C-alpha atoms as a PDB file:
ATOM      1  CA  UNK A   1      66.764 125.179  29.269  1.00  0.00           C
ATOM      2  CA  UNK A   2      63.361 124.113  28.165  1.00  0.00           C
ATOM      3  CA  UNK A   3      60.110 126.019  28.809  1.00  0.00           C
ATOM      4  CA  UNK A   4      56.478 125.112  28.364  1.00  0.00           C
ATOM      5  CA  UNK A   5      54.667 127.374  25.941  1.00  0.00           C
ATOM      6  CA  UNK A   6      50.863 127.635  25.534  1.00  0.00           C
ATOM      7  CA  UNK A   7      50.321 128.612  21.919  1.00  0.00           C
ATOM      8  CA  UNK A   8      46.889 129.400  20.542  1.00  0.00           C
ATOM      9  CA  UNK A   9      44.876 131.478  18.116  1.00  0.00           C
ATOM     10  CA  UNK A  10      43.604 134.900  19.173  1.00  0.00           C
ATOM     11  CA  UNK A  11      40.014 136.033  18.650  1.00  0.00           C
ATOM     12  CA  UNK A  12      41.358 139.101  16.857  1.00  0.00           C
ATOM     13  CA  UNK A  13      43.639 137.125  14.597  1.00  0.00           C
ATOM     14  CA  UNK A  14      47.181 135.830  14.887  1.00  0.00           C
ATOM     15  CA  UNK A  15      48.480 133.755  17.732  1.00  0.00           C
ATOM     16  CA  UNK A  16      49.500 134.280  21.389  1.00  0.00           C
ATOM     17  CA  UNK A  17      52.226 132.494  23.218  1.00  0.00           C
ATOM     18  CA  UNK A  18      52.488 132.262  26.980  1.00  0.00           C
ATOM     19  CA  UNK A  19      55.355 130.771  28.999  1.00  0.00           C
ATOM     20  CA  UNK A  20      54.057 128.625  31.870  1.00  0.00           C
ATOM     21  CA  UNK A  21      57.203 128.844  33.959  1.00  0.00           C
ATOM     22  CA  UNK A  22      57.522 132.633  33.828  1.00  0.00           C
ATOM     23  CA  UNK A  23      54.133 134.185  34.774  1.00  0.00           C
ATOM     24  CA  UNK A  24      53.269 137.329  32.870  1.00  0.00           C
ATOM     25  CA  UNK A  25      55.427 136.429  29.848  1.00  0.00           C
ATOM     26  CA  UNK A  26      52.955 136.634  26.955  1.00  0.00           C
ATOM     27  CA  UNK A  27      53.537 137.597  23.381  1.00  0.00           C
ATOM     28  CA  UNK A  28      51.595 137.675  20.069  1.00  0.00           C
ATOM     29  CA  UNK A  29      52.439 137.172  16.420  1.00  0.00           C
ATOM     30  CA  UNK A  30      50.767 137.120  12.989  1.00  0.00           C
ATOM     31  CA  UNK A  31      51.431 133.395  12.832  1.00  0.00           C
ATOM     32  CA  UNK A  32      52.705 130.541  15.038  1.00  0.00           C
ATOM     33  CA  UNK A  33      56.310 131.153  13.994  1.00  0.00           C
ATOM     34  CA  UNK A  34      56.215 134.779  14.907  1.00  0.00           C
ATOM     35  CA  UNK A  35      54.536 134.136  18.221  1.00  0.00           C
ATOM     36  CA  UNK A  36      57.124 131.471  19.120  1.00  0.00           C
ATOM     37  CA  UNK A  37      60.059 133.695  18.043  1.00  0.00           C
ATOM     38  CA  UNK A  38      58.629 136.527  20.118  1.00  0.00           C
ATOM     39  CA  UNK A  39      58.147 134.425  23.276  1.00  0.00           C
ATOM     40  CA  UNK A  40      61.677 133.059  22.928  1.00  0.00           C
ATOM     41  CA  UNK A  41      63.022 136.625  22.821  1.00  0.00           C
ATOM     42  CA  UNK A  42      60.847 137.582  25.804  1.00  0.00           C
ATOM     43  CA  UNK A  43      62.136 134.642  27.783  1.00  0.00           C
ATOM     44  CA  UNK A  44      65.718 135.556  26.978  1.00  0.00           C
ATOM     45  CA  UNK A  45      65.139 139.152  28.109  1.00  0.00           C
ATOM     46  CA  UNK A  46      63.493 138.048  31.360  1.00  0.00           C
ATOM     47  CA  UNK A  47      66.309 135.617  32.104  1.00  0.00           C
ATOM     48  CA  UNK A  48      68.925 138.279  31.317  1.00  0.00           C
ATOM     49  CA  UNK A  49      67.198 140.773  33.697  1.00  0.00           C
ATOM     50  CA  UNK A  50      66.935 138.086  36.434  1.00  0.00           C
ATOM     51  CA  UNK A  51      70.650 137.300  36.057  1.00  0.00           C
ATOM     52  CA  UNK A  52      71.605 140.970  36.305  1.00  0.00           C
ATOM     53  CA  UNK A  53      69.423 141.352  39.382  1.00  0.00           C
ATOM     54  CA  UNK A  54      71.077 138.287  40.971  1.00  0.00           C
ATOM     55  CA  UNK A  55      74.547 139.607  40.171  1.00  0.00           C
ATOM     56  CA  UNK A  56      73.644 142.983  41.674  1.00  0.00           C
ATOM     57  CA  UNK A  57      72.294 141.322  44.856  1.00  0.00           C
ATOM     58  CA  UNK A  58      75.510 139.269  45.210  1.00  0.00           C
ATOM     59  CA  UNK A  59      77.649 142.403  44.949  1.00  0.00           C
ATOM     60  CA  UNK A  60      75.473 144.259  47.486  1.00  0.00           C
ATOM     61  CA  UNK A  61      76.130 141.652  50.134  1.00  0.00           C
ATOM     62  CA  UNK A  62      79.226 142.460  52.214  1.00  0.00           C
ATOM     63  CA  UNK A  63      79.895 139.460  54.365  1.00  0.00           C
ATOM     64  CA  UNK A  64      82.832 137.504  55.689  1.00  0.00           C
ATOM     65  CA  UNK A  65      83.132 133.886  56.542  1.00  0.00           C
ATOM     66  CA  UNK A  66      85.331 133.383  59.547  1.00  0.00           C
ATOM     67  CA  UNK A  67      86.041 130.536  61.957  1.00  0.00           C
ATOM     68  CA  UNK A  68      86.312 130.913  65.713  1.00  0.00           C
ATOM     69  CA  UNK A  69      87.417 128.614  68.438  1.00  0.00           C
ATOM     70  CA  UNK A  70      85.361 128.321  71.622  1.00  0.00           C
ATOM     71  CA  UNK A  71      86.868 126.532  74.574  1.00  0.00           C
ATOM     72  CA  UNK A  72      84.833 123.719  76.136  1.00  0.00           C
ATOM     73  CA  UNK A  73      83.673 124.416  79.651  1.00  0.00           C
ATOM     74  CA  UNK A  74      84.257 121.615  82.170  1.00  0.00           C
ATOM     75  CA  UNK A  75      81.240 120.915  84.318  1.00  0.00           C
ATOM     76  CA  UNK A  76      81.689 119.532  87.826  1.00  0.00           C
END
């Protein structure tokens, strides 16, 4: 999957990387490579947590799918 990353220099040195598609996912690094490696890891961790949450939600749902037959009522 592809993500849009905003990569830029920090006032205090180094670089920051922010993922547009996952709000709040921001990392920093000494250089562009470190910042990009860090944001990639952060995205993977977020996606893993989202997947675990989804799987947990699926297991929490106890539902059945059944079919019933309803007789037509004749109107006079």
